[in-house]
Amino acid sequence: MSSQEIDCYDRRVRHCPTLGHEVEFSYCRAPGATLPCGRIFDCWWEQFDVKAFIKAHYNPQQVAQILAPRQPKIVTLVELIEQARKCN
């Protein structure tokens, strides 16, 4: 682990290409999940050394999960619709 606190960059702000508006790094670091957004490297590399930050705060398995390809939104939507149908 780094001596750098995990929340040291949380107040930095940039435009989120996924959401379409400004977000703080804190959102990208924990977007309603335990791991950062998969686009964190693409979005923050110009602001600070995001690779070093992630390497310091996450283990290799977590980094692999962060970098894993995401399902297309349509697949996720279809899965959610199917789950909702099963609940009714």
C-alpha atoms as a PDB file:
ATOM      1  CA  MET A   1       0.000   0.000   0.000  1.00  0.00           C
ATOM      2  CA  SER A   2       1.053   3.537  -0.639  1.00  0.00           C
ATOM      3  CA  SER A   3       1.516   6.169   2.040  1.00  0.00           C
ATOM      4  CA  GLN A   4      -0.797   8.225  -0.171  1.00  0.00           C
ATOM      5  CA  GLU A   5      -4.392   8.210   1.112  1.00  0.00           C
ATOM      6  CA  ILE A   6      -6.939   6.604  -1.209  1.00  0.00           C
ATOM      7  CA  ASP A   7      -9.069   9.767  -1.171  1.00  0.00           C
ATOM      8  CA  CYS A   8      -6.249  12.223  -1.965  1.00  0.00           C
ATOM      9  CA  TYR A   9      -7.563  12.954  -5.502  1.00  0.00           C
ATOM     10  CA  ASP A  10     -11.282  12.694  -4.722  1.00  0.00           C
ATOM     11  CA  ARG A  11     -12.054  16.403  -5.229  1.00  0.00           C
ATOM     12  CA  ARG A  12     -10.574  16.595  -8.742  1.00  0.00           C
ATOM     13  CA  VAL A  13     -13.250  17.107 -11.392  1.00  0.00           C
ATOM     14  CA  ARG A  14     -13.530  16.216 -15.074  1.00  0.00           C
ATOM     15  CA  HIS A  15     -16.165  15.475 -17.702  1.00  0.00           C
ATOM     16  CA  CYS A  16     -17.422  11.881 -17.641  1.00  0.00           C
ATOM     17  CA  PRO A  17     -17.912  10.472 -21.159  1.00  0.00           C
ATOM     18  CA  THR A  18     -20.234   7.779 -19.791  1.00  0.00           C
ATOM     19  CA  LEU A  19     -22.551  10.031 -17.780  1.00  0.00           C
ATOM     20  CA  GLY A  20     -22.173  13.151 -19.911  1.00  0.00           C
ATOM     21  CA  HIS A  21     -21.465  15.601 -17.093  1.00  0.00           C
ATOM     22  CA  GLU A  22     -18.798  16.649 -14.601  1.00  0.00           C
ATOM     23  CA  VAL A  23     -17.863  14.186 -11.845  1.00  0.00           C
ATOM     24  CA  GLU A  24     -15.333  14.091  -9.063  1.00  0.00           C
ATOM     25  CA  PHE A  25     -12.631  11.424  -9.024  1.00  0.00           C
ATOM     26  CA  SER A  26     -14.324   9.982  -5.932  1.00  0.00           C
ATOM     27  CA  TYR A  27     -17.214   8.863  -8.145  1.00  0.00           C
ATOM     28  CA  CYS A  28     -14.885   7.194 -10.646  1.00  0.00           C
ATOM     29  CA  ARG A  29     -12.995   5.502  -7.846  1.00  0.00           C
ATOM     30  CA  ALA A  30     -16.196   4.034  -6.367  1.00  0.00           C
ATOM     31  CA  PRO A  31     -19.145   4.330  -8.798  1.00  0.00           C
ATOM     32  CA  GLY A  32     -21.647   2.445  -6.649  1.00  0.00           C
ATOM     33  CA  ALA A  33     -19.311  -0.555  -6.655  1.00  0.00           C
ATOM     34  CA  THR A  34     -16.266  -1.699  -4.742  1.00  0.00           C
ATOM     35  CA  LEU A  35     -13.928  -1.243  -7.716  1.00  0.00           C
ATOM     36  CA  PRO A  36     -13.250   1.831  -9.847  1.00  0.00           C
ATOM     37  CA  CYS A  37     -14.825   2.452 -13.231  1.00  0.00           C
ATOM     38  CA  GLY A  38     -13.175   0.534 -16.055  1.00  0.00           C
ATOM     39  CA  ARG A  39     -12.505   3.791 -17.910  1.00  0.00           C
ATOM     40  CA  ILE A  40     -10.560   5.328 -15.022  1.00  0.00           C
ATOM     41  CA  PHE A  41      -7.213   5.028 -16.840  1.00  0.00           C
ATOM     42  CA  ASP A  42      -8.515   6.619 -20.036  1.00  0.00           C
ATOM     43  CA  CYS A  43     -10.172   9.498 -18.232  1.00  0.00           C
ATOM     44  CA  TRP A  44      -7.655  10.519 -15.595  1.00  0.00           C
ATOM     45  CA  TRP A  45      -4.191   9.924 -17.083  1.00  0.00           C
ATOM     46  CA  GLU A  46      -3.745  13.615 -17.939  1.00  0.00           C
ATOM     47  CA  GLN A  47      -4.622  14.780 -14.425  1.00  0.00           C
ATOM     48  CA  PHE A  48      -2.221  12.597 -12.402  1.00  0.00           C
ATOM     49  CA  ASP A  49      -0.456   9.227 -12.493  1.00  0.00           C
ATOM     50  CA  VAL A  50      -3.636   7.181 -12.206  1.00  0.00           C
ATOM     51  CA  LYS A  51      -1.807   3.916 -13.028  1.00  0.00           C
ATOM     52  CA  ALA A  52       0.491   4.364 -10.027  1.00  0.00           C
ATOM     53  CA  PHE A  53      -2.491   5.305  -7.863  1.00  0.00           C
ATOM     54  CA  ILE A  54      -4.445   2.168  -8.826  1.00  0.00           C
ATOM     55  CA  LYS A  55      -1.374  -0.039  -8.449  1.00  0.00           C
ATOM     56  CA  ALA A  56      -0.778   1.381  -4.958  1.00  0.00           C
ATOM     57  CA  HIS A  57      -4.339   0.840  -3.748  1.00  0.00           C
ATOM     58  CA  TYR A  58      -5.560  -2.312  -5.505  1.00  0.00           C
ATOM     59  CA  ASN A  59      -4.098  -5.791  -5.842  1.00  0.00           C
ATOM     60  CA  PRO A  60      -3.332  -7.387  -9.248  1.00  0.00           C
ATOM     61  CA  GLN A  61      -6.607  -9.363  -9.282  1.00  0.00           C
ATOM     62  CA  GLN A  62      -8.610  -6.200  -8.668  1.00  0.00           C
ATOM     63  CA  VAL A  63      -6.696  -4.362 -11.408  1.00  0.00           C
ATOM     64  CA  ALA A  64      -7.515  -7.229 -13.795  1.00  0.00           C
ATOM     65  CA  GLN A  65     -11.199  -6.866 -12.876  1.00  0.00           C
ATOM     66  CA  ILE A  66     -11.060  -3.114 -13.473  1.00  0.00           C
ATOM     67  CA  LEU A  67      -9.516  -3.697 -16.906  1.00  0.00           C
ATOM     68  CA  ALA A  68     -11.869  -6.539 -17.886  1.00  0.00           C
ATOM     69  CA  PRO A  69     -14.113  -5.745 -20.857  1.00  0.00           C
ATOM     70  CA  ARG A  70     -17.581  -4.579 -19.878  1.00  0.00           C
ATOM     71  CA  GLN A  71     -20.761  -6.090 -21.266  1.00  0.00           C
ATOM     72  CA  PRO A  72     -22.511  -3.931 -23.852  1.00  0.00           C
ATOM     73  CA  LYS A  73     -25.372  -1.933 -22.326  1.00  0.00           C
ATOM     74  CA  ILE A  74     -27.961  -3.792 -24.391  1.00  0.00           C
ATOM     75  CA  VAL A  75     -26.874  -7.113 -22.867  1.00  0.00           C
ATOM     76  CA  THR A  76     -27.184  -5.669 -19.379  1.00  0.00           C
ATOM     77  CA  LEU A  77     -30.619  -4.238 -20.191  1.00  0.00           C
ATOM     78  CA  VAL A  78     -31.867  -7.561 -21.565  1.00  0.00           C
ATOM     79  CA  GLU A  79     -30.601  -9.356 -18.445  1.00  0.00           C
ATOM     80  CA  LEU A  80     -32.380  -6.841 -16.201  1.00  0.00           C
ATOM     81  CA  ILE A  81     -35.621  -7.247 -18.160  1.00  0.00           C
ATOM     82  CA  GLU A  82     -35.396 -11.024 -17.850  1.00  0.00           C
ATOM     83  CA  GLN A  83     -34.793 -10.774 -14.106  1.00  0.00           C
ATOM     84  CA  ALA A  84     -37.808  -8.476 -13.737  1.00  0.00           C
ATOM     85  CA  ARG A  85     -40.005 -10.897 -15.681  1.00  0.00           C
ATOM     86  CA  LYS A  86     -38.964 -13.774 -13.413  1.00  0.00           C
ATOM     87  CA  CYS A  87     -39.869 -11.735 -10.313  1.00  0.00           C
ATOM     88  CA  ASN A  88     -43.438 -11.121 -11.489  1.00  0.00           C
END
